């Protein structure tokens, strides 16, 4: 059985910057958890801290009552104006100190709630204009902060999520290579990377290659499954746009023996949220299953012979009947 967690976005109002109040009425937290508990194959819930809760034991108990557990706990370092010039890379010592204190609170909460891991998505840590940023100072701040945080609770896994842009025009941790270099620089065994398929596509990466690279260094800690048109973080359902990339991604996850969490990160603005979540869980299992039936011996033969057309002839005969 796969470990699948998801945020409760599918049951929220799903607002955007044009319809800020959302496209539907949001359910209460208990109603959202009740809806999530009905999704066959969903293991856990991912939360933002402290936006969605502050008492970890109370939330742990609430989740258990719904037959769920806490998956990823993401620290909210992005939704308030005070982070607009960055969090752990802020040039204001007070802001950076506040960010570090919040992250440590979150780490303690994750440990108490037995969460899967703690995620840092540093979307406000970046810049807009040339000459605006001191890149070496920003890197030093990232490395020093993450080293301190990893050492704070070695029993808690930290995972860094990369993204090329948004809300900053350019984010410091923009792609798999930068994220890998950073966590390898820190060097602690409890720090790794979240690979968001949509973020990899935005960065013009091949998600399968990124997964293989991160795994090669033991740094692939968590996944976010979704899809987009490679130009923005649309958070669409997986495999709906980039089918072959998604299939190859799951093929490589099986090949490298990935046994971590599959996080669902979708925003079904105009779709039925329960149906979108159910389909996503179902398709994760389906992609995982189908990827395991692909003819590895033939793949190897055709790869070694540099015959991609034979690979696709085999795949087309499989899927276009």
Protein backbone atom coordinates (compact mmCIF):
# COMPACT_ATOMS: atom_id res chain seq x y z
CA UNK A 1 0.00 0.00 0.00
CA UNK A 2 1.33 3.41 -0.97
CA UNK A 3 1.66 6.23 1.55
CA UNK A 4 -0.47 9.04 0.13
CA UNK A 5 -1.13 12.36 1.83
CA UNK A 6 -2.88 15.47 0.65
CA UNK A 7 -3.66 18.99 1.68
CA UNK A 8 -7.35 19.77 2.17
CA UNK A 9 -7.38 22.14 -0.79
CA UNK A 10 -9.88 20.06 -2.72
CA UNK A 11 -12.48 20.74 -0.03
CA UNK A 12 -11.63 24.42 0.41
CA UNK A 13 -13.12 27.44 -1.34
CA UNK A 14 -10.22 27.26 -3.85
CA UNK A 15 -9.68 30.98 -4.23
CA UNK A 16 -7.28 32.55 -6.68
CA UNK A 17 -6.04 36.10 -7.18
CA UNK A 18 -9.09 36.94 -9.31
CA UNK A 19 -11.81 35.24 -7.24
CA UNK A 20 -10.20 35.60 -3.85
CA UNK A 21 -13.15 34.25 -1.88
CA UNK A 22 -13.12 31.07 -3.92
CA UNK A 23 -15.33 29.31 -6.41
CA UNK A 24 -17.43 27.52 -3.81
CA UNK A 25 -18.25 27.63 -0.16
CA UNK A 26 -15.53 26.13 2.01
CA UNK A 27 -16.38 23.27 4.34
CA UNK A 28 -15.37 23.46 8.01
CA UNK A 29 -12.20 21.66 9.07
CA UNK A 30 -14.16 18.75 10.54
CA UNK A 31 -16.25 18.54 7.37
CA UNK A 32 -13.10 18.56 5.25
CA UNK A 33 -11.57 15.77 7.32
CA UNK A 34 -14.79 13.78 7.06
CA UNK A 35 -14.72 14.14 3.27
CA UNK A 36 -11.03 13.19 3.18
CA UNK A 37 -11.66 10.11 5.31
CA UNK A 38 -13.99 8.80 2.61
CA UNK A 39 -11.30 8.87 -0.06
CA UNK A 40 -10.22 5.28 -0.61
CA UNK A 41 -6.42 4.95 -0.46
CA UNK A 42 -5.73 8.30 1.21
CA UNK A 43 -3.40 7.76 4.17
CA UNK A 44 -2.73 11.17 5.69
CA UNK A 45 -3.34 14.91 5.64
CA UNK A 46 -0.74 17.59 4.96
CA UNK A 47 -1.08 20.79 6.98
CA UNK A 48 0.32 24.30 7.02
CA UNK A 49 1.64 25.31 10.45
CA UNK A 50 0.55 27.34 12.34
CA UNK A 51 -2.08 28.49 9.83
CA UNK A 52 -4.31 25.44 10.17
CA UNK A 53 -3.56 24.34 13.73
CA UNK A 54 -1.34 25.08 16.72
CA UNK A 55 -1.99 22.21 19.14
CA UNK A 56 -0.31 19.11 17.64
CA UNK A 57 -1.73 16.58 20.10
CA UNK A 58 -5.27 17.81 19.59
CA UNK A 59 -4.85 17.60 15.81
CA UNK A 60 -3.28 14.15 16.05
CA UNK A 61 -6.26 12.94 18.06
CA UNK A 62 -8.70 14.54 15.62
CA UNK A 63 -7.01 12.82 12.68
CA UNK A 64 -7.04 9.46 14.44
CA UNK A 65 -10.78 9.83 14.97
CA UNK A 66 -11.12 10.03 11.19
CA UNK A 67 -8.78 7.10 10.58
CA UNK A 68 -6.02 9.36 9.24
CA UNK A 69 -2.54 10.46 10.28
CA UNK A 70 -0.48 13.60 9.77
CA UNK A 71 1.57 13.54 6.62
CA UNK A 72 3.66 16.55 5.69
CA UNK A 73 3.73 19.57 7.99
CA UNK A 74 4.63 22.66 5.98
CA UNK A 75 5.80 25.79 7.75
CA UNK A 76 3.88 28.87 6.62
CA UNK A 77 6.65 31.27 5.65
CA UNK A 78 4.82 32.72 2.68
CA UNK A 79 1.28 33.94 3.44
CA UNK A 80 1.97 37.07 5.50
CA UNK A 81 3.41 40.45 4.43
CA UNK A 82 6.21 40.22 7.02
CA UNK A 83 7.91 37.58 4.84
CA UNK A 84 7.77 39.69 1.67
CA UNK A 85 11.57 40.15 1.58
CA UNK A 86 12.30 36.59 2.62
CA UNK A 87 12.28 34.48 5.74
CA UNK A 88 15.54 32.71 6.57
CA UNK A 89 17.34 34.77 3.93
CA UNK A 90 15.93 38.10 5.11
CA UNK A 91 18.51 40.82 5.57
CA UNK A 92 16.58 41.90 8.67
CA UNK A 93 17.95 39.90 11.64
CA UNK A 94 14.64 40.19 13.50
CA UNK A 95 12.69 38.64 10.61
CA UNK A 96 15.18 35.84 10.20
CA UNK A 97 15.12 35.15 13.95
CA UNK A 98 11.32 35.02 13.90
CA UNK A 99 11.38 32.63 10.95
CA UNK A 100 13.83 30.31 12.68
CA UNK A 101 11.76 30.30 15.87
CA UNK A 102 8.59 29.48 13.91
CA UNK A 103 10.29 26.62 12.06
CA UNK A 104 11.55 25.13 15.33
CA UNK A 105 8.05 25.36 16.78
CA UNK A 106 6.83 23.52 13.73
CA UNK A 107 9.51 20.86 14.08
CA UNK A 108 8.46 20.28 17.68
CA UNK A 109 4.80 20.11 16.62
CA UNK A 110 5.64 17.59 13.90
CA UNK A 111 7.49 15.40 16.38
CA UNK A 112 4.56 15.51 18.81
CA UNK A 113 2.01 14.73 16.10
CA UNK A 114 4.22 12.05 14.53
CA UNK A 115 4.09 13.81 11.17
CA UNK A 116 5.87 12.30 8.19
CA UNK A 117 8.22 15.27 7.84
CA UNK A 118 8.53 19.06 7.98
CA UNK A 119 8.60 20.94 4.70
CA UNK A 120 10.20 24.28 3.94
CA UNK A 121 8.89 25.90 0.78
CA UNK A 122 10.68 29.26 0.74
CA UNK A 123 8.55 30.96 -1.87
CA UNK A 124 9.23 34.47 -0.53
CA UNK A 125 13.00 33.91 -0.49
CA UNK A 126 14.14 35.25 -3.83
CA UNK A 127 14.20 38.44 -5.86
CA UNK A 128 12.70 40.32 -8.80
CA UNK A 129 15.42 42.45 -10.40
CA UNK A 130 19.04 42.13 -11.47
CA UNK A 131 21.42 43.63 -8.88
CA UNK A 132 18.69 43.37 -6.21
CA UNK A 133 20.13 40.35 -4.43
CA UNK A 134 23.44 39.31 -2.89
CA UNK A 135 23.44 35.71 -4.10
CA UNK A 136 26.38 34.53 -2.02
CA UNK A 137 24.96 36.05 1.17
CA UNK A 138 21.58 34.44 0.44
CA UNK A 139 23.25 31.06 -0.06
CA UNK A 140 25.14 31.45 3.20
CA UNK A 141 21.91 32.27 5.02
CA UNK A 142 20.17 29.25 3.53
CA UNK A 143 23.01 26.88 4.38
CA UNK A 144 23.57 28.19 7.90
CA UNK A 145 19.85 28.19 8.72
CA UNK A 146 19.20 24.70 7.37
CA UNK A 147 22.24 23.32 9.15
CA UNK A 148 20.96 24.72 12.44
CA UNK A 149 17.44 23.44 11.81
CA UNK A 150 18.56 19.94 10.85
CA UNK A 151 20.67 19.75 14.00
CA UNK A 152 17.81 21.02 16.18
CA UNK A 153 15.88 17.74 16.01
CA UNK A 154 17.82 14.99 14.20
CA UNK A 155 14.82 12.69 14.73
CA UNK A 156 12.62 14.86 12.47
CA UNK A 157 13.01 14.80 8.69
CA UNK A 158 13.22 18.18 6.96
CA UNK A 159 12.44 18.47 3.29
CA UNK A 160 13.05 21.47 1.02
CA UNK A 161 10.66 22.09 -1.88
CA UNK A 162 12.02 23.89 -4.91
CA UNK A 163 10.15 26.16 -7.31
CA UNK A 164 11.40 28.46 -10.05
CA UNK A 165 9.04 31.36 -9.38
CA UNK A 166 6.01 32.57 -7.47
CA UNK A 167 5.43 34.52 -5.40
CA UNK A 168 8.89 35.96 -6.13
CA UNK A 169 9.80 36.44 -9.79
CA UNK A 170 12.80 34.20 -9.11
CA UNK A 171 13.14 31.93 -6.10
CA UNK A 172 16.58 31.06 -4.72
CA UNK A 173 15.82 27.33 -4.53
CA UNK A 174 14.63 27.17 -8.12
CA UNK A 175 15.30 23.65 -9.37
CA UNK A 176 16.40 20.15 -8.43
CA UNK A 177 20.09 20.90 -8.94
CA UNK A 178 20.10 23.89 -6.60
CA UNK A 179 18.02 22.04 -3.99
CA UNK A 180 20.35 19.04 -4.15
CA UNK A 181 23.47 21.19 -3.91
CA UNK A 182 22.02 22.96 -0.89
CA UNK A 183 21.00 19.89 1.11
CA UNK A 184 24.28 18.16 0.23
CA UNK A 185 26.09 21.28 1.44
CA UNK A 186 24.23 20.97 4.75
CA UNK A 187 25.12 17.29 4.74
CA UNK A 188 22.82 16.14 7.54
CA UNK A 189 21.06 12.79 7.00
CA UNK A 190 17.65 14.15 8.04
CA UNK A 191 17.39 16.81 5.33
CA UNK A 192 16.20 16.13 1.80
CA UNK A 193 14.10 17.45 -1.08
CA UNK A 194 10.42 17.44 -2.02
CA UNK A 195 10.00 16.85 -5.74
CA UNK A 196 6.84 18.56 -6.92
CA UNK A 197 6.11 17.26 -10.42
CA UNK A 198 4.56 20.58 -11.47
CA UNK A 199 7.54 22.56 -10.18
CA UNK A 200 9.90 20.24 -12.06
CA UNK A 201 7.89 20.77 -15.25
CA UNK A 202 7.96 24.57 -14.71
CA UNK A 203 11.74 24.38 -14.36
CA UNK A 204 11.89 22.57 -17.74
CA UNK A 205 13.06 19.41 -16.00
CA UNK A 206 12.23 15.82 -16.75
CA UNK A 207 10.61 14.75 -13.45
CA UNK A 208 11.87 11.17 -13.84
CA UNK A 209 15.46 12.35 -14.26
CA UNK A 210 15.12 14.67 -11.26
CA UNK A 211 13.79 11.83 -9.13
CA UNK A 212 16.66 9.56 -10.18
CA UNK A 213 19.22 12.29 -9.42
CA UNK A 214 17.81 13.12 -5.99
CA UNK A 215 17.55 9.44 -5.11
CA UNK A 216 21.14 8.86 -6.24
CA UNK A 217 22.26 11.06 -3.34
CA UNK A 218 19.67 9.76 -0.87
CA UNK A 219 17.79 13.09 -0.82
CA UNK A 220 14.39 12.25 -2.33
CA UNK A 221 12.16 12.57 0.75
CA UNK A 222 8.64 13.47 -0.46
CA UNK A 223 6.66 13.90 -3.68
CA UNK A 224 3.94 16.28 -4.78
CA UNK A 225 1.88 14.82 -7.61
CA UNK A 226 0.14 17.11 -10.11
CA UNK A 227 0.45 18.42 -13.68
CA UNK A 228 0.64 21.65 -15.68
CA UNK A 229 1.50 23.14 -19.07
CA UNK A 230 5.15 23.78 -18.06
CA UNK A 231 4.62 27.54 -17.92
CA UNK A 232 2.83 27.94 -14.57
CA UNK A 233 1.98 25.99 -11.44
CA UNK A 234 -1.55 25.04 -12.46
CA UNK A 235 -1.78 22.10 -10.00
CA UNK A 236 -3.91 20.01 -12.35
CA UNK A 237 -4.63 16.32 -11.91
CA UNK A 238 -1.64 14.06 -12.69
CA UNK A 239 -1.11 12.73 -16.20
CA UNK A 240 -3.80 14.89 -17.78
CA UNK A 241 -1.34 17.00 -19.80
CA UNK A 242 2.07 15.34 -19.63
CA UNK A 243 1.05 11.69 -19.81
CA UNK A 244 4.35 10.18 -20.99
CA UNK A 245 6.41 12.21 -18.53
CA UNK A 246 4.11 11.07 -15.72
CA UNK A 247 4.32 7.43 -16.75
CA UNK A 248 8.11 7.59 -16.99
CA UNK A 249 8.20 9.31 -13.58
CA UNK A 250 6.35 6.41 -11.97
CA UNK A 251 8.47 3.91 -13.91
CA UNK A 252 11.60 5.45 -12.38
CA UNK A 253 10.06 5.65 -8.92
CA UNK A 254 9.59 1.90 -9.10
CA UNK A 255 13.04 1.35 -10.56
CA UNK A 256 14.81 3.30 -7.78
CA UNK A 257 12.65 1.62 -5.13
CA UNK A 258 11.05 4.82 -3.84
CA UNK A 259 9.05 4.02 -0.69
CA UNK A 260 8.34 7.53 0.61
CA UNK A 261 5.20 9.64 0.57
CA UNK A 262 3.15 10.54 -2.48
CA UNK A 263 1.69 13.96 -1.74
CA UNK A 264 -1.33 15.24 -3.65
CA UNK A 265 -1.00 18.92 -4.52
CA UNK A 266 -3.94 19.83 -6.75
CA UNK A 267 -6.26 22.84 -6.95
CA UNK A 268 -9.58 21.77 -8.49
CA UNK A 269 -10.95 25.29 -8.78
CA UNK A 270 -13.93 24.40 -10.96
CA UNK A 271 -14.16 20.64 -10.48
CA UNK A 272 -15.88 18.68 -7.76
CA UNK A 273 -13.26 18.48 -5.02
CA UNK A 274 -14.13 15.01 -3.75
CA UNK A 275 -14.15 13.57 -7.26
CA UNK A 276 -10.84 15.27 -8.10
CA UNK A 277 -9.20 13.88 -4.97
CA UNK A 278 -10.60 10.38 -5.52
CA UNK A 279 -9.45 10.34 -9.14
CA UNK A 280 -5.98 11.52 -8.18
CA UNK A 281 -5.52 8.77 -5.60
CA UNK A 282 -6.88 6.22 -8.07
CA UNK A 283 -4.57 7.43 -10.84
CA UNK A 284 -1.51 7.40 -8.58
CA UNK A 285 -2.18 3.73 -7.92
CA UNK A 286 -2.92 3.10 -11.59
CA UNK A 287 0.26 4.79 -12.83
CA UNK A 288 2.25 2.92 -10.19
CA UNK A 289 0.67 -0.39 -11.22
CA UNK A 290 1.06 0.11 -14.97
CA UNK A 291 4.65 1.30 -14.61
CA UNK A 292 5.40 -2.02 -12.96
CA UNK A 293 4.14 -3.97 -15.98
CA UNK A 294 6.37 -2.26 -18.57
CA UNK A 295 8.88 -4.56 -20.27
CA UNK A 296 12.15 -3.60 -18.61
CA UNK A 297 14.14 -6.12 -20.67
CA UNK A 298 12.91 -4.56 -23.91
CA UNK A 299 13.48 -1.06 -22.58
CA UNK A 300 17.07 -1.95 -21.77
CA UNK A 301 17.61 -3.58 -25.17
CA UNK A 302 16.23 -0.61 -27.09
CA UNK A 303 18.01 1.96 -24.92
CA UNK A 304 21.36 0.25 -25.39
CA UNK A 305 20.74 0.15 -29.15
CA UNK A 306 19.68 3.84 -29.19
CA UNK A 307 16.28 2.92 -30.64
CA UNK A 308 13.72 5.30 -29.08
CA UNK A 309 11.25 4.68 -31.92
CA UNK A 310 11.10 1.01 -31.01
CA UNK A 311 10.40 1.99 -27.42
CA UNK A 312 7.51 4.17 -28.55
CA UNK A 313 6.23 1.59 -30.98
CA UNK A 314 6.02 -0.82 -28.02
CA UNK A 315 4.28 1.83 -25.87
CA UNK A 316 1.86 2.90 -28.61
CA UNK A 317 0.81 -0.70 -29.23
CA UNK A 318 0.23 -1.01 -25.49
CA UNK A 319 -1.89 2.12 -25.07
CA UNK A 320 -3.37 2.80 -28.52
CA UNK A 321 -5.33 -0.32 -29.34
